Structure formats: structure tokens, C-alpha cells
Amino acid sequence: MPYELFSNDARLSKVYPTEADVWKVARASGLVADVATEQEPTHVLDNQYETRPCDPEPNEDPARNKVEAEGDAWTEPKKAKAKGGAAMTRLLLLLLFVLLAPVTAQAGVAEQSLTRANAKVRAAVLHDVCEVHVDEKRDQLDAEDRAAYASILKELQRSLDAKDDPERATQTFCEFGRGLQKH
């Protein structure tokens, strides 16, 4: 039975052949949290995400989705090595962390999630939240990026629900995001 990642009733990922395949994609997307219990550590999906059995869309092939997801996991590290090696990648990540640390220390959870997102997800969130106020760019993202997009919007909504002035909080979020894009 094929499975997919859901948030409430919204489908967030492509359909994969097994539940284990969905968990792999969710872990690679940063949607799995490690939780310590008295017996042993366990893994849970963040933010009310869940895996469910489902039927694929008419033109969707769960096996092909799995191969593509595994291909992404194997090709990305090779690209980084080809452009200067793993040491250079770690150095650039450390530099980015040092530059953004003062900014993210004062940021809320949604802003921190936006900081960790890739450029495509960040641009889609900022476009949809700050410019057009609809989910225009979300549907142009692949499954993993849609999951990250949904996670950021869920954190933003939680933040806005807790604020006295949600409009101002949204404006602050947008200013923060635009500042990230300039770096």
C-alpha cells in the first residue's frame, strides 16, 4: 500500500511505495524529531505531520518517486564535493552560521525555520506571505520543499496567533526574510 506525508488533511509529499520510504524523505527534509523516553530514544514527526496510506494520483508512480528521492540524497553530496570538497562545504556552512547567529538568536521559531530553509523554499514563502497572500508558489515546489514550506507557515501561524498585532508580526517576519535574501 502506498503512503504519503500529511498535515491535517493536506497532502504534503509525493506518494511512496512504503511508510518507511515516507519516513526517509521526512527525515531528509528535517521533519523528524528525536525524542528521548525512559525506555529508549524514539522518532516522531514534527508539527502534527503524519503518514497515511493513500492512492497515487493518476499519473504518479510511487516507485519512481522513491528512486528520485534516493537520487537526490546521493547526488547532492557529490555536487558539493565536485565544487570544492566537503571541507569547503563545512567551512561555508560555518561562515553562514556565524553571520546569521546574531540575527537568529532574536528570531522566533518561524524565522529560524525560514533561516534553515533552502533558497527556493525561502523565496516561495516570502512571495506567498509577503507579496500575494495566497499559496501561489507552493504548488511549484517538489514534495520535500512543500513539506518545509508547510512547516514554516505552520510555525508562522502559531506565532501570529500568540501576537497582539498579527499584522505587525507578519511585517516583521517579511522584513527578516528579505534581510536573509540579501545575504
C-alpha atoms as a PDB file:
ATOM      1  CA  MET A   1       0.000   0.000   0.000  1.00  0.00           C
ATOM      2  CA  PRO A   2       1.497   3.398  -0.962  1.00  0.00           C
ATOM      3  CA  TYR A   3       1.932   6.093   1.713  1.00  0.00           C
ATOM      4  CA  GLU A   4       2.204   9.868   1.791  1.00  0.00           C
ATOM      5  CA  LEU A   5       3.007  12.622   4.302  1.00  0.00           C
ATOM      6  CA  PHE A   6       0.015  14.656   5.516  1.00  0.00           C
ATOM      7  CA  SER A   7      -0.580  17.689   7.700  1.00  0.00           C
ATOM      8  CA  ASN A   8      -4.189  17.547   8.851  1.00  0.00           C
ATOM      9  CA  ASP A   9      -5.880  16.581   5.577  1.00  0.00           C
ATOM     10  CA  ALA A  10      -3.399  18.295   3.248  1.00  0.00           C
ATOM     11  CA  ARG A  11      -1.107  16.063   1.215  1.00  0.00           C
ATOM     12  CA  LEU A  12       2.447  17.326   1.580  1.00  0.00           C
ATOM     13  CA  SER A  13       4.606  14.840  -0.256  1.00  0.00           C
ATOM     14  CA  LYS A  14       4.655  12.600  -3.240  1.00  0.00           C
ATOM     15  CA  VAL A  15       3.295   9.087  -2.804  1.00  0.00           C
ATOM     16  CA  TYR A  16       5.938   6.464  -1.905  1.00  0.00           C
ATOM     17  CA  PRO A  17       5.730   2.666  -2.017  1.00  0.00           C
ATOM     18  CA  THR A  18       6.018   2.134   1.764  1.00  0.00           C
ATOM     19  CA  GLU A  19       5.597   4.017   5.011  1.00  0.00           C
ATOM     20  CA  ALA A  20       9.342   3.579   5.637  1.00  0.00           C
ATOM     21  CA  ASP A  21      10.060   5.466   2.397  1.00  0.00           C
ATOM     22  CA  VAL A  22       7.940   8.414   3.580  1.00  0.00           C
ATOM     23  CA  TRP A  23       9.842   8.435   6.891  1.00  0.00           C
ATOM     24  CA  LYS A  24      13.169   8.559   4.993  1.00  0.00           C
ATOM     25  CA  VAL A  25      12.014  11.565   2.977  1.00  0.00           C
ATOM     26  CA  ALA A  26      10.633  13.265   6.098  1.00  0.00           C
ATOM     27  CA  ARG A  27      13.939  12.706   7.948  1.00  0.00           C
ATOM     28  CA  ALA A  28      15.937  14.072   4.996  1.00  0.00           C
ATOM     29  CA  SER A  29      13.647  17.129   4.989  1.00  0.00           C
ATOM     30  CA  GLY A  30      14.218  17.771   8.688  1.00  0.00           C
ATOM     31  CA  LEU A  31      10.666  16.882   9.712  1.00  0.00           C
ATOM     32  CA  VAL A  32      11.573  14.091  12.147  1.00  0.00           C
ATOM     33  CA  ALA A  33      12.395  14.861  15.773  1.00  0.00           C
ATOM     34  CA  ASP A  34      14.344  12.528  18.050  1.00  0.00           C
ATOM     35  CA  VAL A  35      12.604  12.201  21.401  1.00  0.00           C
ATOM     36  CA  ALA A  36      14.175  10.657  24.486  1.00  0.00           C
ATOM     37  CA  THR A  37      11.918   8.390  26.525  1.00  0.00           C
ATOM     38  CA  GLU A  38      12.607   6.349  29.637  1.00  0.00           C
ATOM     39  CA  GLN A  39      12.937   3.125  27.651  1.00  0.00           C
ATOM     40  CA  GLU A  40      14.790   4.252  24.525  1.00  0.00           C
ATOM     41  CA  PRO A  41      15.030   7.140  22.087  1.00  0.00           C
ATOM     42  CA  THR A  42      12.246   7.302  19.534  1.00  0.00           C
ATOM     43  CA  HIS A  43      11.488   9.340  16.424  1.00  0.00           C
ATOM     44  CA  VAL A  44       8.355  11.402  15.820  1.00  0.00           C
ATOM     45  CA  LEU A  45       7.139  13.616  13.015  1.00  0.00           C
ATOM     46  CA  ASP A  46       7.151  17.337  13.797  1.00  0.00           C
ATOM     47  CA  ASN A  47       4.150  19.675  13.767  1.00  0.00           C
ATOM     48  CA  GLN A  48       1.270  17.222  13.599  1.00  0.00           C
ATOM     49  CA  TYR A  49       2.592  15.603  10.413  1.00  0.00           C
ATOM     50  CA  GLU A  50       1.575  12.022   9.854  1.00  0.00           C
ATOM     51  CA  THR A  51       1.982   9.256   7.319  1.00  0.00           C
ATOM     52  CA  ARG A  52      -1.141   7.730   5.830  1.00  0.00           C
ATOM     53  CA  PRO A  53      -1.888   5.103   3.226  1.00  0.00           C
ATOM     54  CA  CYS A  54      -3.267   6.681   0.086  1.00  0.00           C
ATOM     55  CA  ASP A  55      -3.894   6.137  -3.578  1.00  0.00           C
ATOM     56  CA  PRO A  56      -1.449   7.745  -6.005  1.00  0.00           C
ATOM     57  CA  GLU A  57      -2.640  10.422  -8.393  1.00  0.00           C
ATOM     58  CA  PRO A  58      -3.443   9.038 -11.885  1.00  0.00           C
ATOM     59  CA  ASN A  59      -0.038   9.968 -13.358  1.00  0.00           C
ATOM     60  CA  GLU A  60       2.014   9.352 -10.216  1.00  0.00           C
ATOM     61  CA  ASP A  61       4.353   6.385  -9.792  1.00  0.00           C
ATOM     62  CA  PRO A  62       5.368   5.692  -6.165  1.00  0.00           C
ATOM     63  CA  ALA A  63       8.380   3.603  -7.240  1.00  0.00           C
ATOM     64  CA  ARG A  64       9.671   6.427  -9.472  1.00  0.00           C
ATOM     65  CA  ASN A  65       9.180   8.911  -6.613  1.00  0.00           C
ATOM     66  CA  LYS A  66      11.308   6.690  -4.367  1.00  0.00           C
ATOM     67  CA  VAL A  67      14.088   6.448  -6.960  1.00  0.00           C
ATOM     68  CA  GLU A  68      14.048  10.227  -7.447  1.00  0.00           C
ATOM     69  CA  ALA A  69      14.190  10.842  -3.686  1.00  0.00           C
ATOM     70  CA  GLU A  70      17.094   8.435  -3.286  1.00  0.00           C
ATOM     71  CA  GLY A  71      18.827  10.021  -6.277  1.00  0.00           C
ATOM     72  CA  ASP A  72      18.547  13.464  -4.677  1.00  0.00           C
ATOM     73  CA  ALA A  73      20.078  12.146  -1.474  1.00  0.00           C
ATOM     74  CA  TRP A  74      23.044  10.698  -3.353  1.00  0.00           C
ATOM     75  CA  THR A  75      23.644  13.441  -5.930  1.00  0.00           C
ATOM     76  CA  GLU A  76      23.607  16.478  -3.640  1.00  0.00           C
ATOM     77  CA  PRO A  77      26.697  15.475  -1.603  1.00  0.00           C
ATOM     78  CA  LYS A  78      28.556  14.609  -4.829  1.00  0.00           C
ATOM     79  CA  LYS A  79      27.807  18.054  -6.252  1.00  0.00           C
ATOM     80  CA  ALA A  80      29.198  19.693  -3.113  1.00  0.00           C
ATOM     81  CA  LYS A  81      32.405  17.658  -3.334  1.00  0.00           C
ATOM     82  CA  ALA A  82      32.795  18.468  -7.007  1.00  0.00           C
ATOM     83  CA  LYS A  83      32.661  22.179  -6.223  1.00  0.00           C
ATOM     84  CA  GLY A  84      35.456  22.237  -3.688  1.00  0.00           C
ATOM     85  CA  GLY A  85      35.206  19.300  -1.362  1.00  0.00           C
ATOM     86  CA  ALA A  86      33.448  18.512   1.858  1.00  0.00           C
ATOM     87  CA  ALA A  87      35.844  20.657   3.897  1.00  0.00           C
ATOM     88  CA  MET A  88      34.948  23.730   1.840  1.00  0.00           C
ATOM     89  CA  THR A  89      31.236  22.985   2.263  1.00  0.00           C
ATOM     90  CA  ARG A  90      31.634  22.734   6.040  1.00  0.00           C
ATOM     91  CA  LEU A  91      33.628  25.968   6.061  1.00  0.00           C
ATOM     92  CA  LEU A  92      30.916  27.804   4.129  1.00  0.00           C
ATOM     93  CA  LEU A  93      28.212  26.454   6.432  1.00  0.00           C
ATOM     94  CA  LEU A  94      30.199  27.556   9.475  1.00  0.00           C
ATOM     95  CA  LEU A  95      30.658  31.016   7.978  1.00  0.00           C
ATOM     96  CA  LEU A  96      26.936  31.258   7.249  1.00  0.00           C
ATOM     97  CA  PHE A  97      26.149  30.179  10.817  1.00  0.00           C
ATOM     98  CA  VAL A  98      28.481  32.830  12.255  1.00  0.00           C
ATOM     99  CA  LEU A  99      26.956  35.538  10.075  1.00  0.00           C
ATOM    100  CA  LEU A 100      23.370  34.582  10.889  1.00  0.00           C
ATOM    101  CA  ALA A 101      23.782  33.662  14.566  1.00  0.00           C
ATOM    102  CA  PRO A 102      23.120  37.177  15.920  1.00  0.00           C
ATOM    103  CA  VAL A 103      20.050  37.502  13.714  1.00  0.00           C
ATOM    104  CA  THR A 104      18.544  34.109  14.544  1.00  0.00           C
ATOM    105  CA  ALA A 105      19.200  34.453  18.278  1.00  0.00           C
ATOM    106  CA  GLN A 106      16.481  37.123  18.385  1.00  0.00           C
ATOM    107  CA  ALA A 107      14.228  35.435  15.861  1.00  0.00           C
ATOM    108  CA  GLY A 108      11.124  33.398  16.554  1.00  0.00           C
ATOM    109  CA  VAL A 109      10.621  29.772  15.555  1.00  0.00           C
ATOM    110  CA  ALA A 110       9.149  30.687  12.155  1.00  0.00           C
ATOM    111  CA  GLU A 111      12.096  32.962  11.376  1.00  0.00           C
ATOM    112  CA  GLN A 112      14.557  30.264  12.463  1.00  0.00           C
ATOM    113  CA  SER A 113      12.803  27.759  10.194  1.00  0.00           C
ATOM    114  CA  LEU A 114      12.989  30.264   7.346  1.00  0.00           C
ATOM    115  CA  THR A 115      16.729  30.663   8.007  1.00  0.00           C
ATOM    116  CA  ARG A 116      17.276  26.902   7.687  1.00  0.00           C
ATOM    117  CA  ALA A 117      15.177  26.575   4.510  1.00  0.00           C
ATOM    118  CA  ASN A 118      16.764  26.372   1.089  1.00  0.00           C
ATOM    119  CA  ALA A 119      16.610  29.396  -1.202  1.00  0.00           C
ATOM    120  CA  LYS A 120      13.705  28.049  -3.267  1.00  0.00           C
ATOM    121  CA  VAL A 121      11.518  27.441  -0.200  1.00  0.00           C
ATOM    122  CA  ARG A 122      12.508  30.779   1.331  1.00  0.00           C
ATOM    123  CA  ALA A 123      11.609  32.635  -1.882  1.00  0.00           C
ATOM    124  CA  ALA A 124       8.258  30.828  -2.167  1.00  0.00           C
ATOM    125  CA  VAL A 125       7.300  31.567   1.453  1.00  0.00           C
ATOM    126  CA  LEU A 126       8.267  35.231   1.196  1.00  0.00           C
ATOM    127  CA  HIS A 127       6.439  35.636  -2.117  1.00  0.00           C
ATOM    128  CA  ASP A 128       3.264  33.961  -0.889  1.00  0.00           C
ATOM    129  CA  VAL A 129       3.169  35.504   2.607  1.00  0.00           C
ATOM    130  CA  CYS A 130       4.602  38.953   1.965  1.00  0.00           C
ATOM    131  CA  GLU A 131       3.527  39.766  -1.582  1.00  0.00           C
ATOM    132  CA  VAL A 132       0.456  37.943  -2.883  1.00  0.00           C
ATOM    133  CA  HIS A 133      -1.040  36.495   0.353  1.00  0.00           C
ATOM    134  CA  VAL A 134      -2.033  33.205  -1.327  1.00  0.00           C
ATOM    135  CA  ASP A 135      -0.295  29.847  -1.873  1.00  0.00           C
ATOM    136  CA  GLU A 136       0.821  30.741  -5.392  1.00  0.00           C
ATOM    137  CA  LYS A 137       4.424  29.465  -5.348  1.00  0.00           C
ATOM    138  CA  ARG A 138       3.833  26.472  -3.021  1.00  0.00           C
ATOM    139  CA  ASP A 139       2.494  24.284  -5.809  1.00  0.00           C
ATOM    140  CA  GLN A 140       5.658  24.851  -7.846  1.00  0.00           C
ATOM    141  CA  LEU A 141       7.800  23.174  -5.159  1.00  0.00           C
ATOM    142  CA  ASP A 142       8.682  19.497  -5.042  1.00  0.00           C
ATOM    143  CA  ALA A 143       7.332  17.337  -2.221  1.00  0.00           C
ATOM    144  CA  GLU A 144      10.203  17.843   0.195  1.00  0.00           C
ATOM    145  CA  ASP A 145      10.231  21.590  -0.334  1.00  0.00           C
ATOM    146  CA  ARG A 146       6.429  21.710   0.095  1.00  0.00           C
ATOM    147  CA  ALA A 147       6.848  19.986   3.445  1.00  0.00           C
ATOM    148  CA  ALA A 148       9.420  22.578   4.545  1.00  0.00           C
ATOM    149  CA  TYR A 149       7.145  25.362   3.243  1.00  0.00           C
ATOM    150  CA  ALA A 150       4.206  23.976   5.234  1.00  0.00           C
ATOM    151  CA  SER A 151       6.322  23.700   8.370  1.00  0.00           C
ATOM    152  CA  ILE A 152       7.373  27.356   8.131  1.00  0.00           C
ATOM    153  CA  LEU A 153       3.800  28.537   7.559  1.00  0.00           C
ATOM    154  CA  LYS A 154       2.548  26.455  10.478  1.00  0.00           C
ATOM    155  CA  GLU A 155       5.177  27.996  12.785  1.00  0.00           C
ATOM    156  CA  LEU A 156       4.342  31.459  11.461  1.00  0.00           C
ATOM    157  CA  GLN A 157       0.638  30.898  12.131  1.00  0.00           C
ATOM    158  CA  ARG A 158       1.393  29.774  15.699  1.00  0.00           C
ATOM    159  CA  SER A 159       3.470  32.887  16.182  1.00  0.00           C
ATOM    160  CA  LEU A 160       0.756  35.154  14.758  1.00  0.00           C
ATOM    161  CA  ASP A 161      -1.905  33.529  16.930  1.00  0.00           C
ATOM    162  CA  ALA A 162       0.135  34.466  20.009  1.00  0.00           C
ATOM    163  CA  LYS A 163       0.702  38.106  18.995  1.00  0.00           C
ATOM    164  CA  ASP A 164      -1.401  41.123  19.893  1.00  0.00           C
ATOM    165  CA  ASP A 165      -0.683  42.687  16.484  1.00  0.00           C
ATOM    166  CA  PRO A 166      -0.505  39.899  13.850  1.00  0.00           C
ATOM    167  CA  GLU A 167      -0.187  42.414  11.029  1.00  0.00           C
ATOM    168  CA  ARG A 168       2.942  43.918  12.570  1.00  0.00           C
ATOM    169  CA  ALA A 169       4.298  40.440  13.317  1.00  0.00           C
ATOM    170  CA  THR A 170       3.808  39.458   9.660  1.00  0.00           C
ATOM    171  CA  GLN A 171       5.589  42.631   8.558  1.00  0.00           C
ATOM    172  CA  THR A 172       8.489  41.837  10.909  1.00  0.00           C
ATOM    173  CA  PHE A 173       8.664  38.275   9.539  1.00  0.00           C
ATOM    174  CA  CYS A 174       8.754  39.625   5.964  1.00  0.00           C
ATOM    175  CA  GLU A 175      11.480  42.160   6.797  1.00  0.00           C
ATOM    176  CA  PHE A 176      13.505  39.396   8.451  1.00  0.00           C
ATOM    177  CA  GLY A 177      13.085  37.159   5.373  1.00  0.00           C
ATOM    178  CA  ARG A 178      14.036  39.897   2.934  1.00  0.00           C
ATOM    179  CA  GLY A 179      17.144  40.533   5.019  1.00  0.00           C
ATOM    180  CA  LEU A 180      18.076  36.843   4.671  1.00  0.00           C
ATOM    181  CA  GLN A 181      17.748  37.025   0.903  1.00  0.00           C
ATOM    182  CA  LYS A 182      20.239  39.905   0.757  1.00  0.00           C
ATOM    183  CA  HIS A 183      22.959  37.831   2.470  1.00  0.00           C
END
